[in-house]
Amino acid sequence: MALMKTRDFVFAALLGATLLVPATRSFAEDAKPREAIITVTGEGHSAIAPDMAVVTLSVVKQAKAAQDALDQNNKAMGAVLATLKDSGIAERDLQTSGFSIQPQYVYQNDKNGQPVPPTLTGYQVTNGLTVRVRDLSKLGALLDQAVNLGVNQGGDIQFTNDKPDAALEEARRNAVADAAAKAKTLTDAAGVKLGRVISINEGAIVTPPQPYMRSMATASADKAVPVASGENTYNASVSITYAIQE
């Protein structure tokens, strides 16, 4: 009987010691000082000339009968599409961007100043077209031709790039270099040394198109519409965490 009690005591003591080991290790790990770090944000930019323009054009026609307005609009838009294709614009670069038939009303008051039911005066048909022009040297002439053929609304132009991969890569490299320079300046000022890179997180990539606005109704029929494409600026940002050497 005494032997069994002794064995039970030894087993309980060993079990308690086993359970205490993980807790002791966890406490030691928590007590270990954490690695000093610094986190900085860098920004990079890259500007290149655009190689493509996205143009929105619309044909707007009005008539007393809806069918007449539609027929006039179809005729004008058909001529515009044919001219654009003949000028080298591919089918994939032509897309209808909006179509509507809207009744037109006149709102009046009677002699006592009270509103009377509106009078239907006709219908307005609007057909919108989005065109991607990949040869910018043709852009001015295409706009002029479109106006002559019946385009009477729109003229919003956005200059962009078909394949901006190289510009985006340069913007990213510049963002990383900017972050590294900031980290070096801060650690030098604090009297410590910059260590290894712990993490890199990329922020939003901003690729804003450059708009060029012009009213189609004021375009000259005597010469091509003047356009200025300028440059597109691509922006990148990164957040980098560095270790600080002891």
C-alpha atoms as a PDB file:
ATOM      1  CA  MET A   1       0.000   0.000   0.000  1.00  0.00           C
ATOM      2  CA  ALA A   2       2.805   2.412   0.872  1.00  0.00           C
ATOM      3  CA  LEU A   3       4.520   1.591  -2.413  1.00  0.00           C
ATOM      4  CA  MET A   4       1.407   2.531  -4.415  1.00  0.00           C
ATOM      5  CA  LYS A   5       1.073   5.867  -2.612  1.00  0.00           C
ATOM      6  CA  THR A   6       4.713   6.662  -3.360  1.00  0.00           C
ATOM      7  CA  ARG A   7       4.221   5.896  -7.081  1.00  0.00           C
ATOM      8  CA  ASP A   8       1.101   8.115  -7.219  1.00  0.00           C
ATOM      9  CA  PHE A   9       2.968  10.998  -5.631  1.00  0.00           C
ATOM     10  CA  VAL A  10       5.884  10.726  -8.067  1.00  0.00           C
ATOM     11  CA  PHE A  11       3.493  10.582 -11.074  1.00  0.00           C
ATOM     12  CA  ALA A  12       1.606  13.670  -9.888  1.00  0.00           C
ATOM     13  CA  ALA A  13       4.860  15.579  -9.390  1.00  0.00           C
ATOM     14  CA  LEU A  14       6.090  14.701 -12.896  1.00  0.00           C
ATOM     15  CA  LEU A  15       2.750  15.682 -14.460  1.00  0.00           C
ATOM     16  CA  GLY A  16       2.825  19.056 -12.731  1.00  0.00           C
ATOM     17  CA  ALA A  17       6.348  19.702 -13.926  1.00  0.00           C
ATOM     18  CA  THR A  18       5.373  18.824 -17.489  1.00  0.00           C
ATOM     19  CA  LEU A  19       2.458  21.253 -17.451  1.00  0.00           C
ATOM     20  CA  LEU A  20       4.632  24.052 -16.106  1.00  0.00           C
ATOM     21  CA  VAL A  21       7.254  23.823 -18.867  1.00  0.00           C
ATOM     22  CA  PRO A  22       5.152  25.393 -21.701  1.00  0.00           C
ATOM     23  CA  ALA A  23       4.001  28.182 -19.426  1.00  0.00           C
ATOM     24  CA  THR A  24       7.578  28.935 -18.423  1.00  0.00           C
ATOM     25  CA  ARG A  25       8.695  29.031 -22.069  1.00  0.00           C
ATOM     26  CA  SER A  26       5.774  31.280 -23.065  1.00  0.00           C
ATOM     27  CA  PHE A  27       6.622  33.686 -20.267  1.00  0.00           C
ATOM     28  CA  ALA A  28      10.226  33.766 -21.428  1.00  0.00           C
ATOM     29  CA  GLU A  29       9.191  34.499 -24.996  1.00  0.00           C
ATOM     30  CA  ASP A  30       6.902  37.341 -23.907  1.00  0.00           C
ATOM     31  CA  ALA A  31       9.680  38.801 -21.810  1.00  0.00           C
ATOM     32  CA  LYS A  32      12.080  38.835 -24.776  1.00  0.00           C
ATOM     33  CA  PRO A  33      12.425  42.416 -26.146  1.00  0.00           C
ATOM     34  CA  ARG A  34      10.769  42.966 -29.526  1.00  0.00           C
ATOM     35  CA  GLU A  35      12.779  43.976 -32.594  1.00  0.00           C
ATOM     36  CA  ALA A  36      12.932  47.723 -33.188  1.00  0.00           C
ATOM     37  CA  ILE A  37      11.394  48.727 -36.512  1.00  0.00           C
ATOM     38  CA  ILE A  38      10.603  51.784 -38.601  1.00  0.00           C
ATOM     39  CA  THR A  39       7.813  52.066 -41.221  1.00  0.00           C
ATOM     40  CA  VAL A  40       7.903  54.640 -44.008  1.00  0.00           C
ATOM     41  CA  THR A  41       5.755  55.438 -47.038  1.00  0.00           C
ATOM     42  CA  GLY A  42       7.239  56.263 -50.419  1.00  0.00           C
ATOM     43  CA  GLU A  43       5.706  57.758 -53.537  1.00  0.00           C
ATOM     44  CA  GLY A  44       6.837  57.393 -57.126  1.00  0.00           C
ATOM     45  CA  HIS A  45       5.796  59.020 -60.386  1.00  0.00           C
ATOM     46  CA  SER A  46       6.388  58.380 -64.069  1.00  0.00           C
ATOM     47  CA  ALA A  47       5.219  60.616 -66.932  1.00  0.00           C
ATOM     48  CA  ILE A  48       4.937  59.468 -70.536  1.00  0.00           C
ATOM     49  CA  ALA A  49       3.264  60.780 -73.659  1.00  0.00           C
ATOM     50  CA  PRO A  50      -0.163  59.238 -74.403  1.00  0.00           C
ATOM     51  CA  ASP A  51      -0.559  56.978 -77.414  1.00  0.00           C
ATOM     52  CA  MET A  52      -4.352  56.730 -77.525  1.00  0.00           C
ATOM     53  CA  ALA A  53      -7.390  58.994 -77.137  1.00  0.00           C
ATOM     54  CA  VAL A  54     -10.868  57.967 -75.965  1.00  0.00           C
ATOM     55  CA  VAL A  55     -13.488  60.290 -77.455  1.00  0.00           C
ATOM     56  CA  THR A  56     -17.210  60.503 -76.676  1.00  0.00           C
ATOM     57  CA  LEU A  57     -19.459  61.807 -79.456  1.00  0.00           C
ATOM     58  CA  SER A  58     -23.239  62.129 -79.705  1.00  0.00           C
ATOM     59  CA  VAL A  59     -25.769  62.786 -82.445  1.00  0.00           C
ATOM     60  CA  VAL A  60     -28.897  64.579 -81.225  1.00  0.00           C
ATOM     61  CA  LYS A  61     -31.897  65.019 -83.534  1.00  0.00           C
ATOM     62  CA  GLN A  62     -35.369  66.453 -82.893  1.00  0.00           C
ATOM     63  CA  ALA A  63     -38.611  66.111 -84.867  1.00  0.00           C
ATOM     64  CA  LYS A  64     -42.353  66.252 -84.234  1.00  0.00           C
ATOM     65  CA  ALA A  65     -42.699  62.513 -84.810  1.00  0.00           C
ATOM     66  CA  ALA A  66     -40.514  60.023 -82.940  1.00  0.00           C
ATOM     67  CA  GLN A  67     -39.898  58.007 -86.112  1.00  0.00           C
ATOM     68  CA  ASP A  68     -38.704  61.077 -88.003  1.00  0.00           C
ATOM     69  CA  ALA A  69     -36.260  61.966 -85.217  1.00  0.00           C
ATOM     70  CA  LEU A  70     -35.025  58.382 -85.159  1.00  0.00           C
ATOM     71  CA  ASP A  71     -34.568  58.228 -88.920  1.00  0.00           C
ATOM     72  CA  GLN A  72     -32.597  61.495 -88.969  1.00  0.00           C
ATOM     73  CA  ASN A  73     -30.400  60.296 -86.114  1.00  0.00           C
ATOM     74  CA  ASN A  74     -29.762  56.906 -87.715  1.00  0.00           C
ATOM     75  CA  LYS A  75     -28.758  58.523 -90.984  1.00  0.00           C
ATOM     76  CA  ALA A  76     -26.293  60.901 -89.323  1.00  0.00           C
ATOM     77  CA  MET A  77     -24.788  58.270 -87.004  1.00  0.00           C
ATOM     78  CA  GLY A  78     -24.496  55.809 -89.894  1.00  0.00           C
ATOM     79  CA  ALA A  79     -22.467  58.362 -91.849  1.00  0.00           C
ATOM     80  CA  VAL A  80     -20.256  59.030 -88.825  1.00  0.00           C
ATOM     81  CA  LEU A  81     -19.544  55.319 -88.299  1.00  0.00           C
ATOM     82  CA  ALA A  82     -18.777  54.760 -91.991  1.00  0.00           C
ATOM     83  CA  THR A  83     -16.346  57.694 -92.052  1.00  0.00           C
ATOM     84  CA  LEU A  84     -14.569  56.551 -88.905  1.00  0.00           C
ATOM     85  CA  LYS A  85     -14.128  53.041 -90.297  1.00  0.00           C
ATOM     86  CA  ASP A  86     -12.857  54.395 -93.610  1.00  0.00           C
ATOM     87  CA  SER A  87     -10.334  56.465 -91.638  1.00  0.00           C
ATOM     88  CA  GLY A  88      -8.866  53.337 -90.091  1.00  0.00           C
ATOM     89  CA  ILE A  89     -10.818  53.024 -86.836  1.00  0.00           C
ATOM     90  CA  ALA A  90     -11.335  49.317 -86.108  1.00  0.00           C
ATOM     91  CA  GLU A  91     -14.681  47.804 -85.120  1.00  0.00           C
ATOM     92  CA  ARG A  92     -13.336  46.962 -81.659  1.00  0.00           C
ATOM     93  CA  ASP A  93     -12.647  50.654 -81.055  1.00  0.00           C
ATOM     94  CA  LEU A  94     -16.237  51.765 -81.730  1.00  0.00           C
ATOM     95  CA  GLN A  95     -18.879  51.308 -79.034  1.00  0.00           C
ATOM     96  CA  THR A  96     -22.365  52.721 -78.555  1.00  0.00           C
ATOM     97  CA  SER A  97     -22.320  54.413 -75.159  1.00  0.00           C
ATOM     98  CA  GLY A  98     -25.917  55.609 -74.847  1.00  0.00           C
ATOM     99  CA  PHE A  99     -29.203  55.764 -76.710  1.00  0.00           C
ATOM    100  CA  SER A 100     -32.444  57.482 -75.748  1.00  0.00           C
ATOM    101  CA  ILE A 101     -35.753  58.754 -77.168  1.00  0.00           C
ATOM    102  CA  GLN A 102     -37.240  61.545 -75.064  1.00  0.00           C
ATOM    103  CA  PRO A 103     -40.576  63.321 -75.583  1.00  0.00           C
ATOM    104  CA  GLN A 104     -40.313  67.121 -75.580  1.00  0.00           C
ATOM    105  CA  TYR A 105     -42.948  69.154 -73.735  1.00  0.00           C
ATOM    106  CA  VAL A 106     -43.802  72.825 -73.328  1.00  0.00           C
ATOM    107  CA  TYR A 107     -44.938  73.795 -69.844  1.00  0.00           C
ATOM    108  CA  GLN A 108     -47.234  76.841 -69.531  1.00  0.00           C
ATOM    109  CA  ASN A 109     -49.670  78.511 -67.149  1.00  0.00           C
ATOM    110  CA  ASP A 110     -53.203  79.748 -67.896  1.00  0.00           C
ATOM    111  CA  LYS A 111     -54.275  83.400 -67.607  1.00  0.00           C
ATOM    112  CA  ASN A 112     -54.756  82.953 -63.876  1.00  0.00           C
ATOM    113  CA  GLY A 113     -51.210  81.733 -63.433  1.00  0.00           C
ATOM    114  CA  GLN A 114     -52.212  78.127 -62.846  1.00  0.00           C
ATOM    115  CA  PRO A 115     -50.262  75.332 -64.555  1.00  0.00           C
ATOM    116  CA  VAL A 116     -51.969  73.578 -67.430  1.00  0.00           C
ATOM    117  CA  PRO A 117     -51.185  70.114 -68.822  1.00  0.00           C
ATOM    118  CA  PRO A 118     -47.931  70.186 -70.816  1.00  0.00           C
ATOM    119  CA  THR A 119     -48.079  70.205 -74.593  1.00  0.00           C
ATOM    120  CA  LEU A 120     -46.136  67.563 -76.505  1.00  0.00           C
ATOM    121  CA  THR A 121     -44.064  69.339 -79.170  1.00  0.00           C
ATOM    122  CA  GLY A 122     -41.935  66.502 -80.510  1.00  0.00           C
ATOM    123  CA  TYR A 123     -39.243  63.946 -79.721  1.00  0.00           C
ATOM    124  CA  GLN A 124     -35.492  64.031 -79.218  1.00  0.00           C
ATOM    125  CA  VAL A 125     -33.286  61.075 -80.119  1.00  0.00           C
ATOM    126  CA  THR A 126     -29.740  60.887 -78.724  1.00  0.00           C
ATOM    127  CA  ASN A 127     -27.185  58.304 -79.836  1.00  0.00           C
ATOM    128  CA  GLY A 128     -23.805  58.301 -78.099  1.00  0.00           C
ATOM    129  CA  LEU A 129     -20.585  56.783 -79.414  1.00  0.00           C
ATOM    130  CA  THR A 130     -17.259  56.077 -77.709  1.00  0.00           C
ATOM    131  CA  VAL A 131     -14.264  56.004 -80.061  1.00  0.00           C
ATOM    132  CA  ARG A 132     -10.721  54.871 -79.289  1.00  0.00           C
ATOM    133  CA  VAL A 133      -8.276  56.648 -81.587  1.00  0.00           C
ATOM    134  CA  ARG A 134      -4.912  54.872 -81.618  1.00  0.00           C
ATOM    135  CA  ASP A 135      -3.264  57.186 -84.153  1.00  0.00           C
ATOM    136  CA  LEU A 136      -3.263  60.592 -82.471  1.00  0.00           C
ATOM    137  CA  SER A 137      -2.120  62.306 -85.658  1.00  0.00           C
ATOM    138  CA  LYS A 138      -5.591  61.632 -87.086  1.00  0.00           C
ATOM    139  CA  LEU A 139      -7.553  62.881 -84.084  1.00  0.00           C
ATOM    140  CA  GLY A 140      -8.111  66.494 -85.144  1.00  0.00           C
ATOM    141  CA  ALA A 141      -9.250  65.576 -88.645  1.00  0.00           C
ATOM    142  CA  LEU A 142     -11.592  62.865 -87.310  1.00  0.00           C
ATOM    143  CA  LEU A 143     -13.274  65.324 -84.963  1.00  0.00           C
ATOM    144  CA  ASP A 144     -13.766  67.790 -87.797  1.00  0.00           C
ATOM    145  CA  GLN A 145     -15.269  65.112 -90.051  1.00  0.00           C
ATOM    146  CA  ALA A 146     -17.579  63.922 -87.285  1.00  0.00           C
ATOM    147  CA  VAL A 147     -18.977  67.424 -86.780  1.00  0.00           C
ATOM    148  CA  ASN A 148     -19.559  67.885 -90.495  1.00  0.00           C
ATOM    149  CA  LEU A 149     -21.486  64.597 -90.593  1.00  0.00           C
ATOM    150  CA  GLY A 150     -23.876  65.434 -87.766  1.00  0.00           C
ATOM    151  CA  VAL A 151     -22.175  65.036 -84.397  1.00  0.00           C
ATOM    152  CA  ASN A 152     -23.506  67.951 -82.354  1.00  0.00           C
ATOM    153  CA  GLN A 153     -22.860  66.986 -78.750  1.00  0.00           C
ATOM    154  CA  GLY A 154     -19.940  65.612 -76.760  1.00  0.00           C
ATOM    155  CA  GLY A 155     -16.282  66.234 -77.435  1.00  0.00           C
ATOM    156  CA  ASP A 156     -14.912  64.855 -74.156  1.00  0.00           C
ATOM    157  CA  ILE A 157     -11.433  63.497 -74.905  1.00  0.00           C
ATOM    158  CA  GLN A 158      -9.304  61.466 -72.524  1.00  0.00           C
ATOM    159  CA  PHE A 159      -5.703  60.818 -73.465  1.00  0.00           C
ATOM    160  CA  THR A 160      -4.391  57.510 -72.168  1.00  0.00           C
ATOM    161  CA  ASN A 161      -1.887  54.737 -72.892  1.00  0.00           C
ATOM    162  CA  ASP A 162      -2.690  51.380 -74.396  1.00  0.00           C
ATOM    163  CA  LYS A 163       0.124  49.570 -72.521  1.00  0.00           C
ATOM    164  CA  PRO A 164       1.428  51.610 -69.564  1.00  0.00           C
ATOM    165  CA  ASP A 165       3.332  48.669 -67.987  1.00  0.00           C
ATOM    166  CA  ALA A 166       6.782  50.243 -68.334  1.00  0.00           C
ATOM    167  CA  ALA A 167       5.612  53.516 -66.794  1.00  0.00           C
ATOM    168  CA  LEU A 168       3.983  51.684 -63.887  1.00  0.00           C
ATOM    169  CA  GLU A 169       7.179  49.714 -63.211  1.00  0.00           C
ATOM    170  CA  GLU A 170       9.207  52.925 -63.148  1.00  0.00           C
ATOM    171  CA  ALA A 171       6.702  54.547 -60.772  1.00  0.00           C
ATOM    172  CA  ARG A 172       6.990  51.545 -58.421  1.00  0.00           C
ATOM    173  CA  ARG A 173      10.799  51.657 -58.467  1.00  0.00           C
ATOM    174  CA  ASN A 174      10.712  55.365 -57.728  1.00  0.00           C
ATOM    175  CA  ALA A 175       8.305  54.758 -54.829  1.00  0.00           C
ATOM    176  CA  VAL A 176      10.627  52.160 -53.272  1.00  0.00           C
ATOM    177  CA  ALA A 177      13.633  54.463 -53.699  1.00  0.00           C
ATOM    178  CA  ASP A 178      11.689  57.308 -52.081  1.00  0.00           C
ATOM    179  CA  ALA A 179      10.770  55.138 -49.095  1.00  0.00           C
ATOM    180  CA  ALA A 180      14.367  53.958 -48.682  1.00  0.00           C
ATOM    181  CA  ALA A 181      15.672  57.535 -48.766  1.00  0.00           C
ATOM    182  CA  LYS A 182      13.144  58.610 -46.126  1.00  0.00           C
ATOM    183  CA  ALA A 183      14.075  55.683 -43.861  1.00  0.00           C
ATOM    184  CA  LYS A 184      17.797  56.479 -44.212  1.00  0.00           C
ATOM    185  CA  THR A 185      17.221  60.137 -43.356  1.00  0.00           C
ATOM    186  CA  LEU A 186      15.158  59.295 -40.268  1.00  0.00           C
ATOM    187  CA  THR A 187      17.547  56.680 -38.882  1.00  0.00           C
ATOM    188  CA  ASP A 188      20.580  58.890 -39.497  1.00  0.00           C
ATOM    189  CA  ALA A 189      18.887  61.726 -37.652  1.00  0.00           C
ATOM    190  CA  ALA A 190      18.049  59.393 -34.760  1.00  0.00           C
ATOM    191  CA  GLY A 191      21.621  58.054 -34.596  1.00  0.00           C
ATOM    192  CA  VAL A 192      20.727  54.450 -35.387  1.00  0.00           C
ATOM    193  CA  LYS A 193      21.437  52.118 -38.299  1.00  0.00           C
ATOM    194  CA  LEU A 194      18.907  50.928 -40.856  1.00  0.00           C
ATOM    195  CA  GLY A 195      18.521  47.141 -40.997  1.00  0.00           C
ATOM    196  CA  ARG A 196      16.848  44.585 -43.209  1.00  0.00           C
ATOM    197  CA  VAL A 197      13.491  44.959 -44.961  1.00  0.00           C
ATOM    198  CA  ILE A 198      10.749  43.222 -42.990  1.00  0.00           C
ATOM    199  CA  SER A 199       7.747  43.881 -45.236  1.00  0.00           C
ATOM    200  CA  ILE A 200       6.677  45.829 -48.328  1.00  0.00           C
ATOM    201  CA  ASN A 201       3.047  46.748 -49.023  1.00  0.00           C
ATOM    202  CA  GLU A 202       1.942  48.407 -52.248  1.00  0.00           C
ATOM    203  CA  GLY A 203      -0.671  51.143 -52.146  1.00  0.00           C
ATOM    204  CA  ALA A 204      -3.091  52.238 -54.826  1.00  0.00           C
ATOM    205  CA  ILE A 205      -1.856  52.731 -58.385  1.00  0.00           C
ATOM    206  CA  VAL A 206      -3.265  55.951 -59.827  1.00  0.00           C
ATOM    207  CA  THR A 207      -3.460  56.255 -63.600  1.00  0.00           C
ATOM    208  CA  PRO A 208      -5.470  59.410 -64.252  1.00  0.00           C
ATOM    209  CA  PRO A 209      -6.270  60.127 -67.912  1.00  0.00           C
ATOM    210  CA  GLN A 210      -5.664  63.670 -69.112  1.00  0.00           C
ATOM    211  CA  PRO A 211      -8.953  65.199 -70.334  1.00  0.00           C
ATOM    212  CA  TYR A 212      -9.225  67.686 -73.169  1.00  0.00           C
ATOM    213  CA  MET A 213     -12.651  69.305 -73.356  1.00  0.00           C
ATOM    214  CA  ARG A 214     -14.101  70.915 -76.462  1.00  0.00           C
ATOM    215  CA  SER A 215     -17.644  71.710 -77.535  1.00  0.00           C
ATOM    216  CA  MET A 216     -18.356  69.941 -80.806  1.00  0.00           C
ATOM    217  CA  ALA A 217     -20.747  72.692 -81.895  1.00  0.00           C
ATOM    218  CA  THR A 218     -17.880  75.236 -82.053  1.00  0.00           C
ATOM    219  CA  ALA A 219     -15.433  73.162 -84.078  1.00  0.00           C
ATOM    220  CA  SER A 220     -14.286  74.785 -87.274  1.00  0.00           C
ATOM    221  CA  ALA A 221     -15.296  73.199 -90.553  1.00  0.00           C
ATOM    222  CA  ASP A 222     -12.368  74.796 -92.403  1.00  0.00           C
ATOM    223  CA  LYS A 223      -9.508  73.020 -90.673  1.00  0.00           C
ATOM    224  CA  ALA A 224      -8.790  70.176 -88.310  1.00  0.00           C
ATOM    225  CA  VAL A 225      -9.592  70.680 -84.643  1.00  0.00           C
ATOM    226  CA  PRO A 226      -6.368  71.526 -82.755  1.00  0.00           C
ATOM    227  CA  VAL A 227      -5.531  69.099 -79.936  1.00  0.00           C
ATOM    228  CA  ALA A 228      -2.758  68.991 -77.343  1.00  0.00           C
ATOM    229  CA  SER A 229      -2.121  65.594 -75.744  1.00  0.00           C
ATOM    230  CA  GLY A 230       0.485  66.547 -73.118  1.00  0.00           C
ATOM    231  CA  GLU A 231       1.690  63.773 -70.787  1.00  0.00           C
ATOM    232  CA  ASN A 232       0.094  61.150 -68.567  1.00  0.00           C
ATOM    233  CA  THR A 233       1.466  60.808 -65.041  1.00  0.00           C
ATOM    234  CA  TYR A 234       1.276  57.413 -63.311  1.00  0.00           C
ATOM    235  CA  ASN A 235       1.577  57.395 -59.514  1.00  0.00           C
ATOM    236  CA  ALA A 236       2.539  54.543 -57.171  1.00  0.00           C
ATOM    237  CA  SER A 237       2.949  54.288 -53.402  1.00  0.00           C
ATOM    238  CA  VAL A 238       4.550  51.703 -51.092  1.00  0.00           C
ATOM    239  CA  SER A 239       4.809  51.197 -47.349  1.00  0.00           C
ATOM    240  CA  ILE A 240       8.066  49.546 -46.215  1.00  0.00           C
ATOM    241  CA  THR A 241       8.941  48.312 -42.733  1.00  0.00           C
ATOM    242  CA  TYR A 242      12.646  48.113 -41.846  1.00  0.00           C
ATOM    243  CA  ALA A 243      14.430  46.653 -38.851  1.00  0.00           C
ATOM    244  CA  ILE A 244      16.630  48.992 -36.818  1.00  0.00           C
ATOM    245  CA  GLN A 245      20.030  47.541 -36.011  1.00  0.00           C
ATOM    246  CA  GLU A 246      21.126  47.567 -32.414  1.00  0.00           C
END
